[in-house]
Amino acid sequence: MHKQSAKKGLGAALGTVLLLTGIAAFAGGSPASADANSTSPVSAGPATFTQAVPTGQPSQYSAPLERCANGVNYPLSGANPVLSEPVTTQFSSNVGLSESVNFSGNEYYGNWNFVFTNTSNEVLSTDCAVLIFRAPSGSDNHGYTATQQYGHPQQDYLEVPRGDGTSFYIARIDFHDVPLAQRQVSPGQSFTYSLGGIPNSVISLEQIRDSLKFTADLDLSANQALIQHYGTNRLTN
């Protein structure tokens, strides 16, 4: 199943899971990184963790397996709280991951690819995981890919401009209509989150990489408190 993620606010379809048996470096220069188009990987999170296993079948929407299948917008009445929180300057995760960022494109447009590898000893379900990071403002395309050629993800998503040419991006990866195995990443396997937009030299690839906080859903709460706290929007597919 292959769907393309939509421009923020237009509610069109999301990018879907593609087969990536290995992650290759992307070609093309970027003003956001003067001397390279790819960062080195950094690691965070524990090698072992406990993640609750949801019950239920695909398309059984009342079951825990499909807890993130449906969603709504959570509009905020005031300033987004992310603007007053400390800026993340070191990659963090509640599960064992490595992360690198590469850029494919030119000075007019390109894609930042956040490449994650499961460095833990556990099988990781990325369903309902939340990513928060900083990157150039004005992204118009964003999606998730993994080592499996299947899956049916959509997103709860929000861009929060900082007013300095960068924005905070908040995204929850939400699967539906596929078995649990198609939502999982085994030890050593990789998955990628991509963000498309116009480069801006105000932030480097390394700063983008180090700004990311990854929160896996370990207790079947769906990270619901996070997405409501930040006022995300549900993108349709």
Protein backbone atom coordinates (compact mmCIF):
# COMPACT_ATOMS: atom_id res chain seq x y z
CA MET A 1 0.00 0.00 0.00
CA HIS A 2 1.57 3.24 -1.06
CA LYS A 3 0.04 6.62 -0.22
CA GLN A 4 1.69 10.04 -0.32
CA SER A 5 1.57 12.33 2.72
CA ALA A 6 -0.13 15.64 2.11
CA LYS A 7 0.74 19.27 2.52
CA LYS A 8 0.16 20.27 6.11
CA GLY A 9 -3.44 21.32 6.71
CA LEU A 10 -4.84 19.95 3.46
CA GLY A 11 -5.58 16.50 4.87
CA ALA A 12 -4.54 14.44 1.84
CA ALA A 13 -2.89 11.03 1.93
CA LEU A 14 0.31 10.06 3.68
CA GLY A 15 3.47 8.38 2.43
CA THR A 16 3.50 4.66 3.16
CA VAL A 17 5.94 1.96 3.95
CA LEU A 18 8.56 1.12 1.34
CA LEU A 19 11.03 -1.74 1.11
CA LEU A 20 14.42 -0.61 2.43
CA THR A 21 16.67 -3.61 2.92
CA GLY A 22 19.50 -1.18 3.57
CA ILE A 23 19.75 2.56 4.01
CA ALA A 24 21.87 4.27 1.37
CA ALA A 25 23.25 7.78 1.51
CA PHE A 26 21.36 10.28 -0.62
CA ALA A 27 23.11 12.41 -3.23
CA GLY A 28 22.91 16.16 -3.59
CA GLY A 29 24.20 19.13 -1.67
CA SER A 30 22.41 21.16 0.94
CA PRO A 31 22.91 24.68 2.22
CA ALA A 32 21.72 23.33 5.57
CA SER A 33 25.00 21.43 5.80
CA ALA A 34 27.91 23.12 4.12
CA ASP A 35 30.38 20.25 3.99
CA ALA A 36 28.27 17.07 3.90
CA ASN A 37 24.83 15.80 3.07
CA SER A 38 24.74 13.15 5.78
CA THR A 39 25.47 13.09 9.48
CA SER A 40 27.15 10.38 11.47
CA PRO A 41 24.77 8.29 13.61
CA VAL A 42 24.17 8.98 17.27
CA SER A 43 22.61 6.57 19.75
CA ALA A 44 20.25 6.79 22.68
CA GLY A 45 17.93 4.64 24.72
CA PRO A 46 18.19 1.34 26.60
CA ALA A 47 19.24 -1.95 25.02
CA THR A 48 16.36 -3.71 26.74
CA PHE A 49 12.85 -2.47 27.39
CA THR A 50 9.37 -3.83 27.95
CA GLN A 51 6.67 -2.99 25.42
CA ALA A 52 3.09 -4.14 25.96
CA VAL A 53 1.69 -6.26 23.12
CA PRO A 54 -1.74 -5.15 21.90
CA THR A 55 -4.56 -7.63 21.40
CA GLY A 56 -7.04 -7.60 18.54
CA GLN A 57 -7.12 -8.01 14.79
CA PRO A 58 -6.59 -5.56 11.91
CA SER A 59 -9.66 -3.40 11.26
CA GLN A 60 -11.10 -4.34 14.67
CA TYR A 61 -11.14 -0.69 15.64
CA SER A 62 -12.26 -1.14 19.24
CA ALA A 63 -9.25 -3.38 19.95
CA PRO A 64 -5.91 -2.14 21.35
CA LEU A 65 -4.13 -3.10 18.11
CA GLU A 66 -6.05 -0.34 16.32
CA ARG A 67 -5.76 2.21 19.14
CA CYS A 68 -4.21 4.79 16.78
CA ALA A 69 -6.28 3.96 13.71
CA ASN A 70 -8.61 6.89 14.19
CA GLY A 71 -7.94 10.35 15.51
CA VAL A 72 -9.17 13.91 15.72
CA ASN A 73 -7.65 17.38 15.84
CA TYR A 74 -6.71 18.81 19.23
CA PRO A 75 -6.71 22.61 18.74
CA LEU A 76 -5.06 24.72 21.44
CA SER A 77 -6.47 28.00 22.70
CA GLY A 78 -3.10 29.67 23.28
CA ALA A 79 0.56 29.43 22.35
CA ASN A 80 1.87 25.96 21.77
CA PRO A 81 3.70 24.74 24.90
CA VAL A 82 6.62 23.43 22.84
CA LEU A 83 7.71 27.04 22.31
CA SER A 84 8.41 27.51 26.02
CA GLU A 85 10.08 24.15 26.61
CA PRO A 86 13.89 23.66 26.58
CA VAL A 87 15.24 22.97 23.10
CA THR A 88 16.51 19.41 22.72
CA THR A 89 20.20 19.46 21.78
CA GLN A 90 20.99 15.75 22.13
CA PHE A 91 19.05 12.90 20.50
CA SER A 92 16.94 11.11 23.08
CA SER A 93 14.79 7.99 22.98
CA ASN A 94 13.02 5.70 25.43
CA VAL A 95 14.11 2.65 23.38
CA GLY A 96 17.49 1.70 21.96
CA LEU A 97 17.95 3.49 18.63
CA SER A 98 20.63 5.04 16.49
CA GLU A 99 19.73 8.06 14.37
CA SER A 100 21.35 9.83 11.45
CA VAL A 101 20.02 12.48 9.07
CA ASN A 102 20.72 12.87 5.38
CA PHE A 103 19.54 15.44 2.86
CA SER A 104 18.62 14.81 -0.77
CA GLY A 105 17.97 17.83 -2.97
CA ASN A 106 19.33 21.28 -3.73
CA GLU A 107 19.05 24.84 -2.44
CA TYR A 108 15.45 25.11 -3.67
CA TYR A 109 13.91 21.92 -2.32
CA GLY A 110 14.82 18.59 -0.79
CA ASN A 111 14.11 15.91 1.76
CA TRP A 112 15.58 15.40 5.21
CA ASN A 113 15.63 11.70 5.99
CA PHE A 114 15.78 10.66 9.63
CA VAL A 115 17.20 7.13 9.57
CA PHE A 116 16.68 5.07 12.72
CA THR A 117 18.11 1.63 13.45
CA ASN A 118 16.87 -0.59 16.24
CA THR A 119 20.01 -1.08 18.35
CA SER A 120 18.18 -2.81 21.18
CA ASN A 121 17.74 -6.52 21.83
CA GLU A 122 13.97 -6.21 21.49
CA VAL A 123 11.49 -6.13 18.62
CA LEU A 124 10.16 -2.58 18.50
CA SER A 125 6.65 -1.60 17.49
CA THR A 126 6.68 1.90 16.03
CA ASP A 127 2.90 2.15 16.15
CA CYS A 128 1.83 5.31 17.99
CA ALA A 129 5.43 6.49 18.43
CA VAL A 130 5.91 10.27 18.69
CA LEU A 131 8.75 12.22 17.08
CA ILE A 132 9.50 15.81 18.09
CA PHE A 133 12.30 17.67 16.31
CA ARG A 134 13.37 21.02 14.84
CA ALA A 135 13.98 21.65 11.13
CA PRO A 136 13.54 24.41 8.52
CA SER A 137 10.04 25.87 8.48
CA GLY A 138 7.44 25.23 5.83
CA SER A 139 7.53 21.49 5.22
CA ASP A 140 4.98 20.37 2.64
CA ASN A 141 5.62 16.60 2.63
CA HIS A 142 6.32 14.05 5.34
CA GLY A 143 6.08 10.30 5.68
CA TYR A 144 7.33 7.07 7.20
CA THR A 145 9.22 4.17 5.61
CA ALA A 146 10.51 0.90 7.04
CA THR A 147 12.26 -2.34 6.20
CA GLN A 148 8.92 -4.00 5.43
CA GLN A 149 7.11 -3.37 2.14
CA TYR A 150 3.76 -3.07 3.80
CA GLY A 151 1.97 -1.32 6.56
CA HIS A 152 -0.68 1.36 6.45
CA PRO A 153 0.47 4.39 8.44
CA GLN A 154 -1.02 7.81 8.81
CA GLN A 155 -0.12 10.58 11.23
CA ASP A 156 -1.10 13.03 13.90
CA TYR A 157 1.05 15.98 12.88
CA LEU A 158 1.80 19.59 13.67
CA GLU A 159 4.34 22.24 12.64
CA VAL A 160 5.00 24.99 15.17
CA PRO A 161 7.07 27.88 13.68
CA ARG A 162 9.65 29.45 15.98
CA GLY A 163 9.96 32.66 13.97
CA ASP A 164 13.66 32.15 13.22
CA GLY A 165 13.33 30.13 10.02
CA THR A 166 12.92 26.86 11.90
CA SER A 167 9.92 25.04 13.28
CA PHE A 168 9.20 22.32 15.78
CA TYR A 169 7.61 19.29 14.15
CA ILE A 170 5.50 16.87 16.14
CA ALA A 171 4.33 13.63 14.54
CA ARG A 172 2.71 10.46 15.83
CA ILE A 173 2.97 7.44 13.50
CA ASP A 174 -0.39 5.68 13.43
CA PHE A 175 -0.99 2.30 11.80
CA HIS A 176 -4.23 0.60 10.88
CA ASP A 177 -5.62 -2.40 8.98
CA VAL A 178 -2.39 -4.46 9.12
CA PRO A 179 -1.14 -7.19 11.51
CA LEU A 180 1.16 -6.38 14.42
CA ALA A 181 4.20 -7.82 12.62
CA GLN A 182 3.85 -5.21 9.89
CA ARG A 183 4.18 -2.45 12.49
CA GLN A 184 7.37 -3.82 14.03
CA VAL A 185 11.11 -3.31 13.54
CA SER A 186 13.40 -6.15 14.60
CA PRO A 187 16.87 -5.64 16.15
CA GLY A 188 19.22 -4.32 13.48
CA GLN A 189 16.44 -3.23 11.14
CA SER A 190 15.91 0.39 10.12
CA PHE A 191 13.06 2.78 9.54
CA THR A 192 12.97 6.32 8.18
CA TYR A 193 10.92 9.45 8.69
CA SER A 194 11.22 11.98 5.86
CA LEU A 195 10.47 15.69 5.78
CA GLY A 196 10.32 17.68 2.55
CA GLY A 197 10.82 21.40 2.21
CA ILE A 198 13.11 24.33 1.42
CA PRO A 199 16.56 24.26 3.07
CA ASN A 200 17.65 27.02 5.40
CA SER A 201 21.24 27.49 6.54
CA VAL A 202 20.05 28.72 9.94
CA ILE A 203 20.10 25.08 11.14
CA SER A 204 22.63 22.36 10.29
CA LEU A 205 22.03 18.67 9.69
CA GLU A 206 23.72 17.89 12.98
CA GLN A 207 21.46 20.30 14.83
CA ILE A 208 18.42 18.76 13.18
CA ARG A 209 19.63 15.28 14.16
CA ASP A 210 20.35 16.27 17.75
CA SER A 211 17.00 18.03 18.19
CA LEU A 212 14.99 14.83 17.89
CA LYS A 213 13.17 13.16 20.74
CA PHE A 214 11.65 9.73 20.04
CA THR A 215 8.97 8.32 22.33
CA ALA A 216 7.79 4.79 21.63
CA ASP A 217 4.41 3.72 22.97
CA LEU A 218 5.41 1.15 25.59
CA ASP A 219 2.18 0.85 27.59
CA LEU A 220 -0.59 1.00 24.96
CA SER A 221 -1.49 4.53 26.04
CA ALA A 222 -0.86 5.58 22.40
CA ASN A 223 1.16 8.56 23.65
CA GLN A 224 -2.22 10.24 23.75
CA ALA A 225 -1.21 12.75 26.42
CA LEU A 226 1.63 14.01 24.22
CA ILE A 227 -0.42 14.66 21.10
CA GLN A 228 -3.17 16.38 23.08
CA HIS A 229 -0.60 18.46 24.96
CA TYR A 230 0.87 19.75 21.69
CA GLY A 231 -2.44 20.13 19.82
CA THR A 232 -1.76 17.92 16.82
CA ASN A 233 -3.98 17.51 13.77
CA ARG A 234 -5.04 14.15 12.33
CA LEU A 235 -4.08 13.80 8.68
CA THR A 236 -6.50 11.68 6.66
CA ASN A 237 -5.59 8.98 4.18
